Amino acid sequence: MAAGDRVDLGPYFAILDAVQAQGGAGGTVRLDPEERKLAEMRRLSMAARRRGLRLVWLYSSAEEISFRVVARPKRR
């Protein structure tokens, strides 16, 4: 079983859906104290990849994650 299959990506899909529903090209997520920034970035990237999207990470504080959503280029 792949690592992405063991993680519930539902909350991350919801974040991406909310950004797209608002017509936005990105967003900012505030982290809870027990959340690790790199782990949350990895999970959000996995969810984006499954939706055919790519995230570009923006500079942000230690307590939040900021990103832009871009379409992944199609492979030839």
PDB file of N, CA and C in Angstrom:
ATOM      1  N   MET A   1       0.848  -1.185   0.000  1.00  0.00           N
ATOM      2  CA  MET A   1       0.000   0.000   0.000  1.00  0.00           C
ATOM      3  C   MET A   1       0.890   1.242   0.000  1.00  0.00           C
ATOM      4  N   ALA A   2       0.606   2.169  -0.878  1.00  0.00           N
ATOM      5  CA  ALA A   2       1.398   3.396  -0.974  1.00  0.00           C
ATOM      6  C   ALA A   2       1.079   4.324   0.190  1.00  0.00           C
ATOM      7  N   ALA A   3       2.013   5.197   0.531  1.00  0.00           N
ATOM      8  CA  ALA A   3       1.825   6.116   1.662  1.00  0.00           C
ATOM      9  C   ALA A   3       0.578   6.967   1.494  1.00  0.00           C
ATOM     10  N   GLY A   4       0.281   7.396   0.276  1.00  0.00           N
ATOM     11  CA  GLY A   4      -0.888   8.237   0.036  1.00  0.00           C
ATOM     12  C   GLY A   4      -2.200   7.521   0.292  1.00  0.00           C
ATOM     13  N   ASP A   5      -2.172   6.168   0.254  1.00  0.00           N
ATOM     14  CA  ASP A   5      -3.377   5.391   0.504  1.00  0.00           C
ATOM     15  C   ASP A   5      -3.684   5.286   1.992  1.00  0.00           C
ATOM     16  N   ARG A   6      -2.737   5.563   2.844  1.00  0.00           N
ATOM     17  CA  ARG A   6      -2.933   5.451   4.289  1.00  0.00           C
ATOM     18  C   ARG A   6      -3.348   6.765   4.925  1.00  0.00           C
ATOM     19  N   VAL A   7      -3.294   7.845   4.186  1.00  0.00           N
ATOM     20  CA  VAL A   7      -3.606   9.176   4.709  1.00  0.00           C
ATOM     21  C   VAL A   7      -4.978   9.585   4.204  1.00  0.00           C
ATOM     22  N   ASP A   8      -5.818  10.087   5.097  1.00  0.00           N
ATOM     23  CA  ASP A   8      -7.123  10.591   4.691  1.00  0.00           C
ATOM     24  C   ASP A   8      -6.921  11.957   4.042  1.00  0.00           C
ATOM     25  N   LEU A   9      -7.072  12.009   2.731  1.00  0.00           N
ATOM     26  CA  LEU A   9      -6.866  13.258   2.007  1.00  0.00           C
ATOM     27  C   LEU A   9      -8.148  14.075   1.883  1.00  0.00           C
ATOM     28  N   GLY A  10      -9.241  13.609   2.466  1.00  0.00           N
ATOM     29  CA  GLY A  10     -10.519  14.313   2.395  1.00  0.00           C
ATOM     30  C   GLY A  10     -10.440  15.782   2.776  1.00  0.00           C
ATOM     31  N   PRO A  11      -9.817  16.118   3.918  1.00  0.00           N
ATOM     32  CA  PRO A  11      -9.726  17.534   4.291  1.00  0.00           C
ATOM     33  C   PRO A  11      -8.928  18.375   3.289  1.00  0.00           C
ATOM     34  N   TYR A  12      -7.954  17.759   2.643  1.00  0.00           N
ATOM     35  CA  TYR A  12      -7.120  18.473   1.683  1.00  0.00           C
ATOM     36  C   TYR A  12      -7.859  18.673   0.362  1.00  0.00           C
ATOM     37  N   PHE A  13      -8.664  17.651  -0.028  1.00  0.00           N
ATOM     38  CA  PHE A  13      -9.523  17.823  -1.195  1.00  0.00           C
ATOM     39  C   PHE A  13     -10.512  18.965  -0.940  1.00  0.00           C
ATOM     40  N   ALA A  14     -11.036  19.042   0.283  1.00  0.00           N
ATOM     41  CA  ALA A  14     -11.995  20.096   0.631  1.00  0.00           C
ATOM     42  C   ALA A  14     -11.356  21.485   0.514  1.00  0.00           C
ATOM     43  N   ILE A  15     -10.113  21.613   0.916  1.00  0.00           N
ATOM     44  CA  ILE A  15      -9.402  22.894   0.798  1.00  0.00           C
ATOM     45  C   ILE A  15      -9.278  23.276  -0.672  1.00  0.00           C
ATOM     46  N   LEU A  16      -8.841  22.321  -1.498  1.00  0.00           N
ATOM     47  CA  LEU A  16      -8.680  22.596  -2.927  1.00  0.00           C
ATOM     48  C   LEU A  16     -10.015  22.916  -3.583  1.00  0.00           C
ATOM     49  N   ASP A  17     -11.062  22.180  -3.199  1.00  0.00           N
ATOM     50  CA  ASP A  17     -12.402  22.442  -3.751  1.00  0.00           C
ATOM     51  C   ASP A  17     -12.877  23.837  -3.384  1.00  0.00           C
ATOM     52  N   ALA A  18     -12.641  24.252  -2.132  1.00  0.00           N
ATOM     53  CA  ALA A  18     -13.067  25.576  -1.691  1.00  0.00           C
ATOM     54  C   ALA A  18     -12.334  26.674  -2.450  1.00  0.00           C
ATOM     55  N   VAL A  19     -11.054  26.495  -2.685  1.00  0.00           N
ATOM     56  CA  VAL A  19     -10.275  27.481  -3.438  1.00  0.00           C
ATOM     57  C   VAL A  19     -10.826  27.591  -4.855  1.00  0.00           C
ATOM     58  N   GLN A  20     -11.079  26.455  -5.488  1.00  0.00           N
ATOM     59  CA  GLN A  20     -11.572  26.478  -6.861  1.00  0.00           C
ATOM     60  C   GLN A  20     -13.005  26.997  -6.935  1.00  0.00           C
ATOM     61  N   ALA A  21     -13.844  26.669  -5.965  1.00  0.00           N
ATOM     62  CA  ALA A  21     -15.237  27.128  -5.959  1.00  0.00           C
ATOM     63  C   ALA A  21     -15.325  28.646  -5.840  1.00  0.00           C
ATOM     64  N   GLN A  22     -14.350  29.235  -5.166  1.00  0.00           N
ATOM     65  CA  GLN A  22     -14.331  30.683  -5.004  1.00  0.00           C
ATOM     66  C   GLN A  22     -13.643  31.364  -6.188  1.00  0.00           C
ATOM     67  N   GLY A  23     -13.271  30.574  -7.181  1.00  0.00           N
ATOM     68  CA  GLY A  23     -12.609  31.138  -8.347  1.00  0.00           C
ATOM     69  C   GLY A  23     -11.186  31.572  -8.071  1.00  0.00           C
ATOM     70  N   GLY A  24     -10.652  31.121  -6.956  1.00  0.00           N
ATOM     71  CA  GLY A  24      -9.312  31.533  -6.554  1.00  0.00           C
ATOM     72  C   GLY A  24      -8.227  30.728  -7.217  1.00  0.00           C
ATOM     73  N   ALA A  25      -7.071  31.315  -7.254  1.00  0.00           N
ATOM     74  CA  ALA A  25      -5.913  30.640  -7.823  1.00  0.00           C
ATOM     75  C   ALA A  25      -4.956  30.204  -6.728  1.00  0.00           C
ATOM     76  N   GLY A  26      -5.373  30.346  -5.466  1.00  0.00           N
ATOM     77  CA  GLY A  26      -4.509  29.956  -4.367  1.00  0.00           C
ATOM     78  C   GLY A  26      -5.181  30.186  -3.045  1.00  0.00           C
ATOM     79  N   GLY A  27      -4.429  29.937  -1.997  1.00  0.00           N
ATOM     80  CA  GLY A  27      -5.001  30.108  -0.670  1.00  0.00           C
ATOM     81  C   GLY A  27      -3.946  30.092   0.406  1.00  0.00           C
ATOM     82  N   THR A  28      -4.427  30.272   1.615  1.00  0.00           N
ATOM     83  CA  THR A  28      -3.586  30.213   2.806  1.00  0.00           C
ATOM     84  C   THR A  28      -4.294  29.357   3.835  1.00  0.00           C
ATOM     85  N   VAL A  29      -3.566  28.441   4.436  1.00  0.00           N
ATOM     86  CA  VAL A  29      -4.115  27.558   5.459  1.00  0.00           C
ATOM     87  C   VAL A  29      -3.368  27.830   6.755  1.00  0.00           C
ATOM     88  N   ARG A  30      -4.110  28.108   7.813  1.00  0.00           N
ATOM     89  CA  ARG A  30      -3.505  28.315   9.127  1.00  0.00           C
ATOM     90  C   ARG A  30      -3.351  26.958   9.802  1.00  0.00           C
ATOM     91  N   LEU A  31      -2.157  26.701  10.334  1.00  0.00           N
ATOM     92  CA  LEU A  31      -1.851  25.421  10.966  1.00  0.00           C
ATOM     93  C   LEU A  31      -2.190  25.438  12.448  1.00  0.00           C
ATOM     94  N   ASP A  32      -2.673  24.303  12.944  1.00  0.00           N
ATOM     95  CA  ASP A  32      -2.847  24.121  14.386  1.00  0.00           C
ATOM     96  C   ASP A  32      -1.480  23.851  14.987  1.00  0.00           C
ATOM     97  N   PRO A  33      -1.296  24.105  16.275  1.00  0.00           N
ATOM     98  CA  PRO A  33       0.028  23.919  16.887  1.00  0.00           C
ATOM     99  C   PRO A  33       0.603  22.508  16.741  1.00  0.00           C
ATOM    100  N   GLU A  34      -0.254  21.488  16.697  1.00  0.00           N
ATOM    101  CA  GLU A  34       0.253  20.111  16.603  1.00  0.00           C
ATOM    102  C   GLU A  34       0.555  19.687  15.168  1.00  0.00           C
ATOM    103  N   GLU A  35       0.230  20.504  14.183  1.00  0.00           N
ATOM    104  CA  GLU A  35       0.474  20.163  12.788  1.00  0.00           C
ATOM    105  C   GLU A  35       1.881  20.572  12.363  1.00  0.00           C
ATOM    106  N   ARG A  36       2.520  19.700  11.588  1.00  0.00           N
ATOM    107  CA  ARG A  36       3.850  20.002  11.067  1.00  0.00           C
ATOM    108  C   ARG A  36       3.706  20.551   9.653  1.00  0.00           C
ATOM    109  N   LYS A  37       4.362  21.659   9.408  1.00  0.00           N
ATOM    110  CA  LYS A  37       4.213  22.365   8.134  1.00  0.00           C
ATOM    111  C   LYS A  37       4.563  21.478   6.940  1.00  0.00           C
ATOM    112  N   LEU A  38       5.694  20.802   6.987  1.00  0.00           N
ATOM    113  CA  LEU A  38       6.119  19.985   5.852  1.00  0.00           C
ATOM    114  C   LEU A  38       5.168  18.821   5.596  1.00  0.00           C
ATOM    115  N   ALA A  39       4.639  18.217   6.651  1.00  0.00           N
ATOM    116  CA  ALA A  39       3.692  17.110   6.484  1.00  0.00           C
ATOM    117  C   ALA A  39       2.408  17.611   5.837  1.00  0.00           C
ATOM    118  N   GLU A  40       1.930  18.754   6.263  1.00  0.00           N
ATOM    119  CA  GLU A  40       0.702  19.313   5.694  1.00  0.00           C
ATOM    120  C   GLU A  40       0.912  19.726   4.240  1.00  0.00           C
ATOM    121  N   MET A  41       2.072  20.261   3.923  1.00  0.00           N
ATOM    122  CA  MET A  41       2.377  20.624   2.543  1.00  0.00           C
ATOM    123  C   MET A  41       2.406  19.364   1.659  1.00  0.00           C
ATOM    124  N   ARG A  42       2.998  18.291   2.165  1.00  0.00           N
ATOM    125  CA  ARG A  42       3.080  17.044   1.410  1.00  0.00           C
ATOM    126  C   ARG A  42       1.687  16.487   1.153  1.00  0.00           C
ATOM    127  N   ARG A  43       0.830  16.485   2.173  1.00  0.00           N
ATOM    128  CA  ARG A  43      -0.523  15.956   2.012  1.00  0.00           C
ATOM    129  C   ARG A  43      -1.347  16.800   1.046  1.00  0.00           C
ATOM    130  N   LEU A  44      -1.202  18.108   1.138  1.00  0.00           N
ATOM    131  CA  LEU A  44      -1.929  18.987   0.221  1.00  0.00           C
ATOM    132  C   LEU A  44      -1.437  18.773  -1.213  1.00  0.00           C
ATOM    133  N   SER A  45      -0.143  18.556  -1.382  1.00  0.00           N
ATOM    134  CA  SER A  45       0.409  18.263  -2.710  1.00  0.00           C
ATOM    135  C   SER A  45      -0.114  16.943  -3.257  1.00  0.00           C
ATOM    136  N   MET A  46      -0.228  15.922  -2.394  1.00  0.00           N
ATOM    137  CA  MET A  46      -0.758  14.630  -2.841  1.00  0.00           C
ATOM    138  C   MET A  46      -2.199  14.782  -3.319  1.00  0.00           C
ATOM    139  N   ALA A  47      -3.005  15.540  -2.578  1.00  0.00           N
ATOM    140  CA  ALA A  47      -4.398  15.758  -2.968  1.00  0.00           C
ATOM    141  C   ALA A  47      -4.469  16.514  -4.294  1.00  0.00           C
ATOM    142  N   ALA A  48      -3.628  17.522  -4.440  1.00  0.00           N
ATOM    143  CA  ALA A  48      -3.610  18.301  -5.681  1.00  0.00           C
ATOM    144  C   ALA A  48      -3.229  17.414  -6.859  1.00  0.00           C
ATOM    145  N   ARG A  49      -2.231  16.588  -6.675  1.00  0.00           N
ATOM    146  CA  ARG A  49      -1.766  15.700  -7.744  1.00  0.00           C
ATOM    147  C   ARG A  49      -2.893  14.772  -8.196  1.00  0.00           C
ATOM    148  N   ARG A  50      -3.661  14.262  -7.252  1.00  0.00           N
ATOM    149  CA  ARG A  50      -4.783  13.375  -7.605  1.00  0.00           C
ATOM    150  C   ARG A  50      -5.891  14.116  -8.346  1.00  0.00           C
ATOM    151  N   ARG A  51      -5.934  15.422  -8.205  1.00  0.00           N
ATOM    152  CA  ARG A  51      -6.925  16.230  -8.913  1.00  0.00           C
ATOM    153  C   ARG A  51      -6.362  16.796 -10.218  1.00  0.00           C
ATOM    154  N   GLY A  52      -5.141  16.421 -10.551  1.00  0.00           N
ATOM    155  CA  GLY A  52      -4.526  16.912 -11.780  1.00  0.00           C
ATOM    156  C   GLY A  52      -4.016  18.329 -11.650  1.00  0.00           C
ATOM    157  N   LEU A  53      -3.709  18.730 -10.425  1.00  0.00           N
ATOM    158  CA  LEU A  53      -3.229  20.087 -10.157  1.00  0.00           C
ATOM    159  C   LEU A  53      -1.811  20.039  -9.617  1.00  0.00           C
ATOM    160  N   ARG A  54      -1.184  21.184  -9.626  1.00  0.00           N
ATOM    161  CA  ARG A  54       0.140  21.342  -9.035  1.00  0.00           C
ATOM    162  C   ARG A  54       0.083  22.574  -8.155  1.00  0.00           C
ATOM    163  N   LEU A  55       0.776  22.535  -7.035  1.00  0.00           N
ATOM    164  CA  LEU A  55       0.811  23.681  -6.127  1.00  0.00           C
ATOM    165  C   LEU A  55       2.178  24.339  -6.197  1.00  0.00           C
ATOM    166  N   VAL A  56       2.169  25.648  -6.177  1.00  0.00           N
ATOM    167  CA  VAL A  56       3.397  26.425  -6.076  1.00  0.00           C
ATOM    168  C   VAL A  56       3.364  27.051  -4.688  1.00  0.00           C
ATOM    169  N   TRP A  57       4.373  26.749  -3.886  1.00  0.00           N
ATOM    170  CA  TRP A  57       4.401  27.224  -2.507  1.00  0.00           C
ATOM    171  C   TRP A  57       4.920  28.650  -2.454  1.00  0.00           C
ATOM    172  N   LEU A  58       4.252  29.459  -1.671  1.00  0.00           N
ATOM    173  CA  LEU A  58       4.636  30.856  -1.478  1.00  0.00           C
ATOM    174  C   LEU A  58       5.243  31.014  -0.093  1.00  0.00           C
ATOM    175  N   TYR A  59       6.043  32.034   0.073  1.00  0.00           N
ATOM    176  CA  TYR A  59       6.617  32.289   1.387  1.00  0.00           C
ATOM    177  C   TYR A  59       5.497  32.604   2.367  1.00  0.00           C
ATOM    178  N   SER A  60       5.595  32.007   3.561  1.00  0.00           N
ATOM    179  CA  SER A  60       4.579  32.229   4.585  1.00  0.00           C
ATOM    180  C   SER A  60       5.221  32.056   5.954  1.00  0.00           C
ATOM    181  N   SER A  61       4.476  32.422   6.968  1.00  0.00           N
ATOM    182  CA  SER A  61       4.985  32.307   8.335  1.00  0.00           C
ATOM    183  C   SER A  61       5.017  30.840   8.758  1.00  0.00           C
ATOM    184  N   ALA A  62       5.566  30.570   9.915  1.00  0.00           N
ATOM    185  CA  ALA A  62       5.658  29.200  10.422  1.00  0.00           C
ATOM    186  C   ALA A  62       4.290  28.634  10.766  1.00  0.00           C
ATOM    187  N   GLU A  63       3.309  29.497  10.988  1.00  0.00           N
ATOM    188  CA  GLU A  63       1.973  29.053  11.410  1.00  0.00           C
ATOM    189  C   GLU A  63       1.005  28.865  10.251  1.00  0.00           C
ATOM    190  N   GLU A  64       1.444  29.086   9.021  1.00  0.00           N
ATOM    191  CA  GLU A  64       0.524  28.944   7.908  1.00  0.00           C
ATOM    192  C   GLU A  64       1.238  28.472   6.648  1.00  0.00           C
ATOM    193  N   ILE A  65       0.418  28.016   5.700  1.00  0.00           N
ATOM    194  CA  ILE A  65       0.902  27.559   4.402  1.00  0.00           C
ATOM    195  C   ILE A  65       0.190  28.403   3.349  1.00  0.00           C
ATOM    196  N   SER A  66       0.940  28.996   2.443  1.00  0.00           N
ATOM    197  CA  SER A  66       0.354  29.761   1.340  1.00  0.00           C
ATOM    198  C   SER A  66       0.772  29.114   0.028  1.00  0.00           C
ATOM    199  N   PHE A  67      -0.173  29.067  -0.910  1.00  0.00           N
ATOM    200  CA  PHE A  67       0.102  28.376  -2.161  1.00  0.00           C
ATOM    201  C   PHE A  67      -0.719  28.962  -3.300  1.00  0.00           C
ATOM    202  N   ARG A  68      -0.237  28.684  -4.520  1.00  0.00           N
ATOM    203  CA  ARG A  68      -0.984  28.963  -5.754  1.00  0.00           C
ATOM    204  C   ARG A  68      -1.307  27.633  -6.385  1.00  0.00           C
ATOM    205  N   VAL A  69      -2.461  27.550  -7.022  1.00  0.00           N
ATOM    206  CA  VAL A  69      -2.882  26.330  -7.717  1.00  0.00           C
ATOM    207  C   VAL A  69      -2.671  26.541  -9.209  1.00  0.00           C
ATOM    208  N   VAL A  70      -1.977  25.609  -9.850  1.00  0.00           N
ATOM    209  CA  VAL A  70      -1.774  25.667 -11.295  1.00  0.00           C
ATOM    210  C   VAL A  70      -2.091  24.290 -11.875  1.00  0.00           C
ATOM    211  N   ALA A  71      -2.541  24.264 -13.108  1.00  0.00           N
ATOM    212  CA  ALA A  71      -2.821  22.994 -13.774  1.00  0.00           C
ATOM    213  C   ALA A  71      -1.511  22.314 -14.106  1.00  0.00           C
ATOM    214  N   ARG A  72      -1.485  21.013 -13.955  1.00  0.00           N
ATOM    215  CA  ARG A  72      -0.301  20.253 -14.333  1.00  0.00           C
ATOM    216  C   ARG A  72      -0.265  20.124 -15.836  1.00  0.00           C
ATOM    217  N   PRO A  73       0.908  20.288 -16.436  1.00  0.00           N
ATOM    218  CA  PRO A  73       0.998  20.107 -17.885  1.00  0.00           C
ATOM    219  C   PRO A  73       0.707  18.660 -18.249  1.00  0.00           C
ATOM    220  N   LYS A  74       0.063  18.463 -19.380  1.00  0.00           N
ATOM    221  CA  LYS A  74      -0.253  17.109 -19.844  1.00  0.00           C
ATOM    222  C   LYS A  74       1.010  16.474 -20.393  1.00  0.00           C
ATOM    223  N   ARG A  75       1.174  15.198 -20.087  1.00  0.00           N
ATOM    224  CA  ARG A  75       2.337  14.459 -20.608  1.00  0.00           C
ATOM    225  C   ARG A  75       2.078  14.051 -22.045  1.00  0.00           C
ATOM    226  N   ARG A  76       3.136  14.011 -22.813  1.00  0.00           N
ATOM    227  CA  ARG A  76       3.018  13.607 -24.224  1.00  0.00           C
ATOM    228  C   ARG A  76       3.056  12.116 -24.332  1.00  0.00           C
TER     229      ARG A  76
END
